[in-house]
Protein backbone atom coordinates (compact mmCIF):
# COMPACT_ATOMS: atom_id res chain seq x y z
CA MET A 1 77.03 111.46 104.25
CA PRO A 2 77.50 111.14 100.33
CA LYS A 3 78.07 107.77 98.71
CA LYS A 4 81.28 106.62 98.90
CA LYS A 5 83.54 107.16 95.42
CA LYS A 6 84.19 103.62 93.83
CA ASP A 7 87.81 104.22 92.42
CA ASN A 8 91.44 103.80 93.60
CA LEU A 9 91.85 107.11 95.47
CA TYR A 10 91.98 106.20 99.24
CA PHE A 11 92.27 109.63 100.68
CA THR A 12 89.67 111.87 98.98
CA LYS A 13 87.93 115.24 99.92
CA ASP A 14 85.21 112.85 101.66
CA HIS A 15 87.82 111.32 103.64
CA GLU A 16 89.17 114.77 104.21
CA SER A 17 85.72 115.86 105.41
CA ALA A 18 85.20 112.66 107.57
CA ILE A 19 88.18 113.44 109.67
CA ILE A 20 87.26 117.22 110.21
CA LYS A 21 83.82 115.87 111.61
CA TYR A 22 85.05 113.38 113.64
CA ALA A 23 87.49 116.00 115.41
CA SER A 24 84.81 118.24 116.31
CA SER A 25 81.95 115.82 117.08
CA VAL A 26 80.91 114.94 120.55
CA ASP A 27 78.50 112.15 119.16
CA ARG A 28 80.16 108.71 120.17
CA TYR A 29 77.77 106.93 117.41
CA GLU A 30 78.57 109.41 114.72
CA LYS A 31 82.59 109.58 115.23
CA GLN A 32 82.36 105.41 115.51
CA LYS A 33 80.49 105.36 111.83
CA LEU A 34 82.94 108.03 110.37
CA TYR A 35 85.70 105.96 111.56
CA GLU A 36 84.70 102.72 110.32
CA ILE A 37 83.35 103.93 107.03
CA TRP A 38 85.68 106.56 106.09
CA ILE A 39 88.75 107.07 108.18
CA GLN A 40 89.89 103.48 108.88
CA PRO A 41 90.23 102.44 105.14
CA ALA A 42 92.04 105.41 104.60
CA PHE A 43 94.54 105.20 107.43
CA ASN A 44 94.94 101.64 106.64
CA GLU A 45 95.81 102.25 102.88
CA MET A 46 98.02 105.38 103.93
CA VAL A 47 100.22 103.28 106.68
CA ASP A 48 100.85 100.39 104.32
CA LYS A 49 101.82 102.71 101.37
CA ILE A 50 104.18 104.66 103.49
CA CYS A 51 105.58 101.60 104.98
CA PHE A 52 106.49 100.08 101.75
CA THR A 53 107.44 103.42 100.03
CA TYR A 54 109.97 104.20 102.58
CA ARG A 55 111.23 100.47 103.21
CA PHE A 56 110.16 100.45 106.63
CA THR A 57 109.35 96.86 106.05
CA SER A 58 112.84 96.19 106.93
CA LEU A 59 111.79 96.72 110.49
CA PRO A 60 111.37 93.29 112.75
CA ASN A 61 107.79 92.77 112.98
CA SER A 62 106.78 95.25 110.52
CA GLU A 63 103.64 93.85 110.24
CA TYR A 64 102.80 94.24 113.89
CA LEU A 65 104.37 98.07 113.68
CA ARG A 66 101.97 98.88 110.99
CA ASP A 67 98.85 97.70 113.41
CA ASP A 68 100.29 99.58 116.04
CA CYS A 69 100.79 102.69 113.68
CA LYS A 70 97.26 102.62 113.05
CA LEU A 71 95.83 102.33 116.28
CA TRP A 72 97.99 105.06 117.83
CA LEU A 73 96.70 107.46 114.86
CA VAL A 74 93.16 106.60 116.40
CA THR A 75 94.36 107.96 119.48
CA ILE A 76 95.34 111.47 117.97
CA LEU A 77 92.42 112.01 115.56
CA GLU A 78 90.92 114.38 117.69
CA LYS A 79 93.91 116.67 117.97
CA TYR A 80 93.87 117.18 114.38
CA ASP A 81 92.78 121.04 113.74
CA ALA A 82 92.22 122.05 110.45
CA SER A 83 91.96 125.94 111.04
CA LYS A 84 95.74 125.53 111.32
CA GLY A 85 95.59 125.37 107.47
CA TYR A 86 97.59 121.87 106.53
CA LYS A 87 95.38 118.80 105.20
CA ALA A 88 94.67 115.84 106.92
CA PHE A 89 96.51 113.65 104.55
CA SER A 90 99.45 115.75 104.77
CA TYR A 91 99.38 116.06 108.54
CA PHE A 92 98.64 112.46 109.36
CA SER A 93 101.28 111.21 106.56
CA VAL A 94 103.84 113.47 108.26
CA ILE A 95 103.05 111.86 111.57
CA THR A 96 103.26 108.43 110.50
CA LYS A 97 106.54 108.76 108.86
CA ASN A 98 107.74 110.01 111.98
CA TRP A 99 106.50 107.48 113.95
CA PHE A 100 108.32 104.83 111.76
CA ILE A 101 111.48 106.89 112.03
CA GLN A 102 111.13 106.56 115.82
CA GLN A 103 110.70 103.03 115.79
CA THR A 104 113.96 102.95 113.64
CA LYS A 105 115.87 104.98 116.11
CA LYS A 106 114.70 102.53 119.00
CA LYS A 107 115.80 99.47 116.53
CA ASP A 108 119.15 101.06 116.65
CA LYS A 109 119.47 101.71 120.25
CA ARG A 110 120.76 99.01 122.80
CA ALA A 111 118.62 100.37 125.56
CA ARG A 112 115.29 100.42 124.44
CA ARG A 113 112.17 102.27 126.19
CA GLU A 114 108.79 102.69 124.82
CA ILE A 115 108.33 105.93 123.43
CA ASP A 116 105.79 108.41 124.97
CA ILE A 117 103.13 109.35 122.67
CA GLU A 118 102.58 112.82 124.02
CA GLU A 119 106.36 113.20 123.57
CA VAL A 120 106.32 112.13 119.87
CA TYR A 121 103.23 114.31 119.34
CA THR A 122 104.68 117.44 120.96
CA GLU A 123 107.87 116.96 119.00
CA ILE A 124 106.00 116.84 115.69
CA GLU A 125 103.91 120.00 116.87
CA GLU A 126 106.90 121.93 117.55
CA ASN A 127 108.58 121.49 114.30
CA ASN A 128 105.04 121.15 112.27
CA SER A 129 105.59 124.30 109.99
CA VAL A 130 108.82 122.47 108.59
CA LEU A 131 107.65 119.25 108.27
CA ILE A 132 104.21 119.94 106.60
CA ASP A 133 106.28 122.04 104.25
CA SER A 134 109.04 119.77 103.43
CA GLN A 135 108.03 116.09 104.20
CA SER A 136 104.50 116.28 103.11
CA GLU A 137 105.35 117.34 99.66
CA GLU A 138 108.11 114.63 99.64
CA THR A 139 105.25 112.05 100.67
CA GLU A 140 102.74 113.06 98.26
CA LYS A 141 105.31 112.95 95.52
CA ALA A 142 106.05 109.60 96.39
CA GLU A 143 102.46 108.92 96.56
CA PHE A 144 101.73 110.23 93.08
CA TRP A 145 104.37 108.17 91.51
CA SER A 146 103.30 104.94 93.59
CA TYR A 147 99.22 105.71 92.14
CA LEU A 148 100.50 106.41 88.71
CA LEU A 149 102.27 103.28 88.37
CA GLN A 150 99.58 101.15 89.76
CA ASN A 151 97.31 102.92 86.77
CA ILE A 152 100.08 102.05 84.35
CA ASN A 153 99.64 98.21 85.45
CA LEU A 154 96.08 98.50 84.86
CA TRP A 155 96.78 99.79 81.30
CA VAL A 156 99.34 97.04 80.70
CA GLU A 157 96.39 94.69 81.39
CA GLU A 158 94.26 96.19 79.11
CA GLU A 159 96.74 96.16 76.32
CA ASN A 160 97.49 92.58 76.81
CA GLN A 161 94.07 91.61 76.69
CA ASN A 162 93.85 93.90 73.57
CA ASN A 163 96.77 91.85 72.02
CA ALA A 164 95.87 88.55 73.12
CA GLN A 165 94.43 87.16 69.68
CA LYS A 166 97.59 88.58 67.85
CA ASP A 167 100.78 86.86 67.09
CA SER A 168 103.19 89.76 68.19
CA MET A 169 103.26 92.73 70.52
CA ASN A 170 101.83 95.89 69.44
CA ASN A 171 103.92 99.34 69.58
CA ASP A 172 101.52 100.40 72.28
CA LEU A 173 102.15 97.63 74.49
CA ARG A 174 106.27 97.81 73.85
CA VAL A 175 106.20 101.43 74.71
CA LEU A 176 104.18 101.23 77.65
CA LEU A 177 106.23 98.43 79.09
CA ALA A 178 109.16 100.55 78.44
CA ILE A 179 107.60 103.29 80.44
CA LYS A 180 106.83 101.08 83.40
CA ASN A 181 110.37 99.59 83.15
CA ILE A 182 111.89 103.32 83.54
CA LEU A 183 109.41 104.08 86.65
CA GLU A 184 110.14 101.06 88.38
CA ASN A 185 113.91 101.30 88.14
CA PRO A 186 114.63 105.11 88.25
CA ASP A 187 118.16 104.48 89.67
CA ASP A 188 119.16 102.38 86.52
CA VAL A 189 118.02 105.25 84.09
CA GLU A 190 120.27 108.37 83.52
CA ILE A 191 117.51 110.60 81.89
CA LEU A 192 118.52 114.25 81.34
CA ASN A 193 115.93 115.69 78.41
CA LYS A 194 113.12 114.75 76.36
CA LYS A 195 115.51 113.71 73.64
CA ALA A 196 117.41 111.39 75.91
CA ILE A 197 113.98 109.83 76.82
CA PHE A 198 113.14 108.94 73.20
CA LEU A 199 116.55 107.42 72.70
CA TYR A 200 116.10 105.42 75.88
CA LEU A 201 112.43 104.05 74.48
CA ARG A 202 114.07 103.56 71.05
CA GLU A 203 116.63 101.33 72.46
CA ILE A 204 114.27 99.25 74.38
CA THR A 205 111.59 98.98 72.21
CA GLY A 206 113.25 98.66 68.68
CA LEU A 207 110.64 101.07 67.54
CA ASN A 208 111.44 104.46 65.54
CA THR A 209 110.79 107.80 67.07
CA LYS A 210 107.49 108.31 64.99
CA GLN A 211 106.26 105.02 66.17
CA ILE A 212 106.79 105.94 69.69
CA ALA A 213 105.42 109.42 69.38
CA LEU A 214 102.08 107.79 68.28
CA SER A 215 102.07 105.68 70.93
CA LEU A 216 103.01 108.24 73.49
CA LYS A 217 99.87 110.24 72.37
CA LYS A 218 97.48 107.60 73.47
CA TYR A 219 98.65 107.35 76.68
CA ARG A 220 99.21 111.12 77.11
CA ASP A 221 95.17 111.62 76.93
CA LYS A 222 95.35 108.70 79.76
CA TYR A 223 97.85 110.48 81.57
CA SER A 224 95.90 113.58 81.39
CA HIS A 225 93.04 111.80 82.75
CA PHE A 226 94.98 110.35 85.71
CA LYS A 227 96.20 113.88 86.74
CA TYR A 228 92.85 115.14 86.73
CA LYS A 229 91.86 112.29 88.95
CA TRP A 230 94.93 113.07 91.37
CA HIS A 231 94.18 116.77 91.67
CA ASN A 232 90.64 116.37 92.64
CA MET A 233 90.95 113.75 94.91
């Protein structure tokens, strides 16, 4: 087993490979090690992110529900079949989202009953071709923006450290905080094109177009590196 990567990507090709090995292995010791070292950390992060991204935290006892979902994913690990053509991340992301949707439906019903695991799994399998194409794309898009925002927060920390000994905020930090504001409040911003973005950045930073462009060039390089890491996870 290769050494685990030390970066912020929680569902890499190594995790994908571990799930495939787990599903096909008959060695209980090997399955336990694969789960503890690779699969469990990835599932923990995935479930938590989906729960927060789609606001399932509003469900009663959402922390307990997250734990239940993680345990449930273990029970269906062996059912994953890579030969069907969908990635483990997409597959289990869709299943996790649908699990929480089922919990939401249970919350809205007066007569509540336990949902049979096999019933839910069968329903997902029957609609899998549609779910994987649409919902997995939606989930991955949400994951992308969430991970980008995490990186931007790190860039802000770096700029704050570089700016600590100065009397005023530098241009790079002004632009970066403006970008962070846009990503955190997308519903508050009506942006139609590149020109409109520059006008918005000028408004909230107080900088001119040339100053903004110089700062954006710096972060364009960081963004390129970020995208490379994302596409090679």
